[in-house]
Amino acid sequence: MKKIPDPIAMSYICDEPEACSHQFGGKSLQQSLPNNPTVEISIEYGKLFVCEGFEGVVRYSLYDMAGKLLQQGETRNGEPTSLKVSVGVYFIRAKDAAGNQLVKKVVVTE
């Protein structure tokens, strides 16, 4: 499967944890930095995401820009997973049982 580079997708750190705490289950984006600096979420074909560097089952949640939960489920490290949303900008949060977690801003293009 060929990866298409996504220059817009990036990790995002909230500079104001108190201001961001209403999103992502009461935790700020600052609190959701990866425990393992090698974890990554990549976007493929504009509408698939792949978790890399996580261990075992990865639970994920997809939020809109207002912090509303749109999709959640489980995937595995290296397994492409479809984002079932329309074109737009979202945040995806992924966490494994070992405590590795990451929040990433993603742009769905197709």
N, C-alpha and C. Protein backbone atom coordinates (compact mmCIF):
# COMPACT_ATOMS: atom_id res chain seq x y z
N MET A 1 0.84 -1.16 0.00
CA MET A 1 0.00 0.00 0.00
C MET A 1 0.89 1.24 0.00
N LYS A 2 0.71 2.09 -0.96
CA LYS A 2 1.53 3.29 -1.08
C LYS A 2 1.00 4.39 -0.16
N LYS A 3 1.90 5.00 0.60
CA LYS A 3 1.52 6.10 1.47
C LYS A 3 1.62 7.41 0.70
N ILE A 4 0.63 8.25 0.89
CA ILE A 4 0.66 9.59 0.31
C ILE A 4 1.04 10.55 1.42
N PRO A 5 2.10 11.33 1.25
CA PRO A 5 2.51 12.25 2.30
C PRO A 5 1.38 13.22 2.64
N ASP A 6 1.24 13.54 3.89
CA ASP A 6 0.22 14.46 4.34
C ASP A 6 0.89 15.60 5.09
N PRO A 7 1.30 16.67 4.37
CA PRO A 7 2.03 17.75 5.01
C PRO A 7 1.19 18.55 5.99
N ILE A 8 -0.14 18.44 5.90
CA ILE A 8 -1.00 19.24 6.77
C ILE A 8 -1.20 18.55 8.11
N ALA A 9 -1.28 17.22 8.12
CA ALA A 9 -1.49 16.49 9.37
C ALA A 9 -0.28 16.69 10.27
N MET A 10 -0.55 16.94 11.53
CA MET A 10 0.54 17.18 12.46
C MET A 10 0.08 16.90 13.87
N SER A 11 0.99 16.65 14.75
CA SER A 11 0.65 16.54 16.16
C SER A 11 0.40 17.94 16.68
N TYR A 12 -0.49 18.06 17.64
CA TYR A 12 -0.86 19.37 18.15
C TYR A 12 -0.76 19.36 19.67
N ILE A 13 -0.10 20.33 20.22
CA ILE A 13 0.01 20.47 21.67
C ILE A 13 -0.79 21.69 22.09
N CYS A 14 -1.66 21.53 23.03
CA CYS A 14 -2.45 22.65 23.54
C CYS A 14 -1.57 23.47 24.48
N ASP A 15 -1.40 24.74 24.16
CA ASP A 15 -0.59 25.63 25.00
C ASP A 15 -1.33 26.05 26.27
N GLU A 16 -2.63 25.90 26.27
CA GLU A 16 -3.46 26.28 27.41
C GLU A 16 -4.25 25.06 27.89
N PRO A 17 -3.65 24.18 28.69
CA PRO A 17 -4.34 22.96 29.09
C PRO A 17 -5.72 23.18 29.70
N GLU A 18 -5.91 24.22 30.48
CA GLU A 18 -7.22 24.47 31.08
C GLU A 18 -8.24 24.83 30.01
N ALA A 19 -7.84 25.59 29.01
CA ALA A 19 -8.75 25.99 27.94
C ALA A 19 -9.13 24.82 27.05
N CYS A 20 -8.28 23.82 26.96
CA CYS A 20 -8.52 22.68 26.08
C CYS A 20 -9.13 21.49 26.81
N SER A 21 -9.31 21.58 28.11
CA SER A 21 -9.71 20.41 28.88
C SER A 21 -11.14 19.95 28.61
N HIS A 22 -11.97 20.79 27.97
CA HIS A 22 -13.34 20.38 27.66
C HIS A 22 -13.38 19.37 26.52
N GLN A 23 -12.30 19.26 25.77
CA GLN A 23 -12.24 18.31 24.67
C GLN A 23 -11.54 17.03 25.11
N PHE A 24 -11.75 15.98 24.38
CA PHE A 24 -11.06 14.71 24.58
C PHE A 24 -11.25 14.14 25.97
N GLY A 25 -12.51 14.08 26.41
CA GLY A 25 -12.83 13.43 27.67
C GLY A 25 -12.28 14.13 28.89
N GLY A 26 -12.17 15.44 28.86
CA GLY A 26 -11.69 16.20 30.00
C GLY A 26 -10.19 16.28 30.11
N LYS A 27 -9.46 15.71 29.16
CA LYS A 27 -8.01 15.78 29.17
C LYS A 27 -7.55 16.73 28.08
N SER A 28 -6.57 17.50 28.36
CA SER A 28 -6.05 18.42 27.35
C SER A 28 -5.19 17.67 26.36
N LEU A 29 -4.94 18.29 25.23
CA LEU A 29 -4.04 17.70 24.25
C LEU A 29 -2.64 17.60 24.81
N GLN A 30 -2.25 18.52 25.66
CA GLN A 30 -0.93 18.48 26.29
C GLN A 30 -0.77 17.19 27.08
N GLN A 31 -1.84 16.74 27.73
CA GLN A 31 -1.77 15.52 28.52
C GLN A 31 -1.74 14.27 27.65
N SER A 32 -2.00 14.41 26.36
CA SER A 32 -2.09 13.26 25.48
C SER A 32 -0.86 13.08 24.60
N LEU A 33 0.26 13.62 25.01
CA LEU A 33 1.48 13.42 24.26
C LEU A 33 1.91 11.96 24.37
N PRO A 34 2.61 11.42 23.38
CA PRO A 34 2.97 10.02 23.45
C PRO A 34 3.95 9.72 24.58
N ASN A 35 3.73 8.59 25.26
CA ASN A 35 4.68 8.12 26.26
C ASN A 35 5.90 7.55 25.55
N ASN A 36 5.68 7.02 24.38
CA ASN A 36 6.73 6.43 23.57
C ASN A 36 6.93 7.35 22.36
N PRO A 37 8.05 8.03 22.24
CA PRO A 37 8.22 9.01 21.16
C PRO A 37 8.23 8.41 19.77
N THR A 38 8.20 7.07 19.66
CA THR A 38 8.21 6.46 18.34
C THR A 38 6.81 6.17 17.81
N VAL A 39 5.75 6.45 18.58
CA VAL A 39 4.39 6.21 18.07
C VAL A 39 4.03 7.30 17.07
N GLU A 40 3.26 6.91 16.07
CA GLU A 40 2.87 7.84 15.02
C GLU A 40 1.53 7.40 14.44
N ILE A 41 0.80 8.35 13.91
CA ILE A 41 -0.43 8.07 13.16
C ILE A 41 -0.20 8.67 11.79
N SER A 42 -0.30 7.86 10.76
CA SER A 42 -0.13 8.37 9.41
C SER A 42 -1.44 8.25 8.64
N ILE A 43 -1.60 9.13 7.67
CA ILE A 43 -2.80 9.15 6.84
C ILE A 43 -2.43 8.59 5.47
N GLU A 44 -3.25 7.70 4.97
CA GLU A 44 -3.03 7.10 3.66
C GLU A 44 -4.25 7.33 2.78
N TYR A 45 -4.02 7.66 1.54
CA TYR A 45 -5.09 7.85 0.55
C TYR A 45 -6.14 8.86 1.00
N GLY A 46 -5.78 9.75 1.90
CA GLY A 46 -6.69 10.81 2.32
C GLY A 46 -7.81 10.39 3.24
N LYS A 47 -8.04 9.07 3.44
CA LYS A 47 -9.18 8.67 4.26
C LYS A 47 -8.93 7.42 5.11
N LEU A 48 -7.69 6.95 5.17
CA LEU A 48 -7.31 5.82 6.01
C LEU A 48 -6.25 6.29 6.98
N PHE A 49 -6.23 5.73 8.18
CA PHE A 49 -5.14 6.04 9.10
C PHE A 49 -4.48 4.74 9.54
N VAL A 50 -3.20 4.85 9.87
CA VAL A 50 -2.43 3.71 10.33
C VAL A 50 -1.67 4.12 11.58
N CYS A 51 -1.83 3.36 12.66
CA CYS A 51 -1.08 3.59 13.89
C CYS A 51 0.24 2.81 13.78
N GLU A 52 1.33 3.46 14.12
CA GLU A 52 2.65 2.83 14.03
C GLU A 52 3.39 3.02 15.35
N GLY A 53 4.05 1.97 15.82
CA GLY A 53 4.83 2.02 17.05
C GLY A 53 4.03 1.74 18.29
N PHE A 54 2.74 1.44 18.15
CA PHE A 54 1.89 1.09 19.29
C PHE A 54 2.04 -0.40 19.57
N GLU A 55 1.51 -0.86 20.70
CA GLU A 55 1.59 -2.27 21.07
C GLU A 55 0.20 -2.88 21.11
N GLY A 56 0.01 -4.00 20.40
CA GLY A 56 -1.25 -4.74 20.45
C GLY A 56 -2.43 -3.95 19.94
N VAL A 57 -3.56 -4.10 20.65
CA VAL A 57 -4.80 -3.43 20.26
C VAL A 57 -4.69 -1.93 20.56
N VAL A 58 -5.11 -1.12 19.61
CA VAL A 58 -5.10 0.33 19.75
C VAL A 58 -6.54 0.83 19.73
N ARG A 59 -6.96 1.48 20.79
CA ARG A 59 -8.29 2.11 20.83
C ARG A 59 -8.15 3.52 20.27
N TYR A 60 -9.07 3.89 19.40
CA TYR A 60 -9.01 5.22 18.80
C TYR A 60 -10.35 5.93 18.92
N SER A 61 -10.29 7.24 18.91
CA SER A 61 -11.47 8.11 18.90
C SER A 61 -11.21 9.22 17.91
N LEU A 62 -12.23 9.57 17.14
CA LEU A 62 -12.13 10.65 16.15
C LEU A 62 -13.08 11.76 16.58
N TYR A 63 -12.56 12.99 16.64
CA TYR A 63 -13.33 14.15 17.08
C TYR A 63 -13.36 15.20 15.99
N ASP A 64 -14.45 15.98 15.95
CA ASP A 64 -14.46 17.13 15.05
C ASP A 64 -13.74 18.28 15.73
N MET A 65 -13.64 19.41 15.07
CA MET A 65 -12.89 20.55 15.60
C MET A 65 -13.51 21.14 16.87
N ALA A 66 -14.78 20.86 17.11
CA ALA A 66 -15.45 21.34 18.33
C ALA A 66 -15.30 20.37 19.49
N GLY A 67 -14.66 19.22 19.25
CA GLY A 67 -14.46 18.24 20.30
C GLY A 67 -15.54 17.19 20.39
N LYS A 68 -16.47 17.15 19.41
CA LYS A 68 -17.55 16.17 19.41
C LYS A 68 -17.02 14.83 18.90
N LEU A 69 -17.30 13.75 19.66
CA LEU A 69 -16.89 12.41 19.27
C LEU A 69 -17.70 11.95 18.06
N LEU A 70 -17.01 11.56 16.99
CA LEU A 70 -17.67 11.14 15.76
C LEU A 70 -17.53 9.64 15.48
N GLN A 71 -16.41 9.06 15.88
CA GLN A 71 -16.15 7.66 15.58
C GLN A 71 -15.17 7.13 16.61
N GLN A 72 -15.34 5.88 17.00
CA GLN A 72 -14.37 5.24 17.88
C GLN A 72 -14.35 3.76 17.60
N GLY A 73 -13.28 3.13 17.99
CA GLY A 73 -13.17 1.70 17.76
C GLY A 73 -11.79 1.20 18.13
N GLU A 74 -11.46 0.02 17.59
CA GLU A 74 -10.17 -0.60 17.85
C GLU A 74 -9.50 -0.93 16.53
N THR A 75 -8.19 -0.87 16.53
CA THR A 75 -7.39 -1.26 15.38
C THR A 75 -6.12 -1.91 15.92
N ARG A 76 -5.25 -2.30 15.06
CA ARG A 76 -3.97 -2.88 15.46
C ARG A 76 -2.85 -2.10 14.81
N ASN A 77 -1.69 -2.16 15.42
CA ASN A 77 -0.52 -1.49 14.89
C ASN A 77 -0.28 -1.91 13.44
N GLY A 78 -0.14 -0.94 12.55
CA GLY A 78 0.14 -1.20 11.14
C GLY A 78 -1.06 -1.55 10.29
N GLU A 79 -2.25 -1.63 10.87
CA GLU A 79 -3.46 -2.00 10.14
C GLU A 79 -4.20 -0.75 9.65
N PRO A 80 -4.41 -0.59 8.34
CA PRO A 80 -5.15 0.58 7.84
C PRO A 80 -6.60 0.53 8.34
N THR A 81 -7.09 1.66 8.80
CA THR A 81 -8.45 1.78 9.32
C THR A 81 -9.13 2.96 8.64
N SER A 82 -10.36 2.75 8.20
CA SER A 82 -11.10 3.77 7.46
C SER A 82 -11.70 4.82 8.40
N LEU A 83 -11.62 6.08 7.98
CA LEU A 83 -12.29 7.16 8.68
C LEU A 83 -13.64 7.38 7.98
N LYS A 84 -14.72 7.17 8.70
CA LYS A 84 -16.05 7.22 8.11
C LYS A 84 -16.67 8.60 8.30
N VAL A 85 -16.00 9.60 7.75
CA VAL A 85 -16.45 10.98 7.85
C VAL A 85 -16.26 11.66 6.50
N SER A 86 -16.88 12.82 6.35
CA SER A 86 -16.73 13.57 5.12
C SER A 86 -15.43 14.37 5.13
N VAL A 87 -15.15 15.02 4.03
CA VAL A 87 -13.96 15.85 3.90
C VAL A 87 -13.95 16.89 5.02
N GLY A 88 -12.80 17.06 5.67
CA GLY A 88 -12.70 18.05 6.73
C GLY A 88 -11.47 17.85 7.59
N VAL A 89 -11.41 18.62 8.67
CA VAL A 89 -10.29 18.57 9.61
C VAL A 89 -10.79 17.98 10.92
N TYR A 90 -10.04 17.03 11.45
CA TYR A 90 -10.44 16.30 12.65
C TYR A 90 -9.23 16.07 13.56
N PHE A 91 -9.50 15.58 14.77
CA PHE A 91 -8.46 15.11 15.67
C PHE A 91 -8.70 13.63 15.91
N ILE A 92 -7.64 12.85 15.84
CA ILE A 92 -7.75 11.44 16.16
C ILE A 92 -6.86 11.17 17.37
N ARG A 93 -7.41 10.42 18.31
CA ARG A 93 -6.67 10.06 19.53
C ARG A 93 -6.53 8.55 19.54
N ALA A 94 -5.33 8.06 19.72
CA ALA A 94 -5.06 6.63 19.76
C ALA A 94 -4.30 6.28 21.04
N LYS A 95 -4.68 5.15 21.65
CA LYS A 95 -4.03 4.72 22.89
C LYS A 95 -4.01 3.20 22.93
N ASP A 96 -2.86 2.64 23.35
CA ASP A 96 -2.77 1.18 23.49
C ASP A 96 -2.75 0.81 24.97
N ALA A 97 -2.79 -0.49 25.25
CA ALA A 97 -2.83 -0.98 26.64
C ALA A 97 -1.56 -0.66 27.41
N ALA A 98 -0.45 -0.45 26.71
CA ALA A 98 0.82 -0.12 27.37
C ALA A 98 0.88 1.34 27.81
N GLY A 99 -0.13 2.12 27.44
CA GLY A 99 -0.17 3.52 27.83
C GLY A 99 0.37 4.47 26.78
N ASN A 100 0.84 3.95 25.64
CA ASN A 100 1.28 4.83 24.56
C ASN A 100 0.06 5.50 23.97
N GLN A 101 0.11 6.81 23.82
CA GLN A 101 -1.02 7.52 23.25
C GLN A 101 -0.55 8.72 22.45
N LEU A 102 -1.39 9.14 21.52
CA LEU A 102 -1.07 10.26 20.66
C LEU A 102 -2.36 10.89 20.17
N VAL A 103 -2.39 12.20 20.10
CA VAL A 103 -3.48 12.94 19.48
C VAL A 103 -2.88 13.63 18.27
N LYS A 104 -3.56 13.51 17.13
CA LYS A 104 -3.04 14.09 15.91
C LYS A 104 -4.15 14.78 15.13
N LYS A 105 -3.85 15.92 14.61
CA LYS A 105 -4.77 16.64 13.72
C LYS A 105 -4.66 16.00 12.35
N VAL A 106 -5.79 15.63 11.75
CA VAL A 106 -5.78 15.00 10.44
C VAL A 106 -6.74 15.72 9.50
N VAL A 107 -6.39 15.68 8.23
CA VAL A 107 -7.24 16.27 7.19
C VAL A 107 -7.72 15.15 6.29
N VAL A 108 -9.05 14.96 6.23
CA VAL A 108 -9.64 13.96 5.36
C VAL A 108 -9.91 14.64 4.03
N THR A 109 -9.37 14.07 2.94
CA THR A 109 -9.46 14.73 1.64
C THR A 109 -10.36 14.03 0.64
N GLU A 110 -10.79 12.82 0.91
CA GLU A 110 -11.63 12.11 -0.07
C GLU A 110 -12.78 11.43 0.62
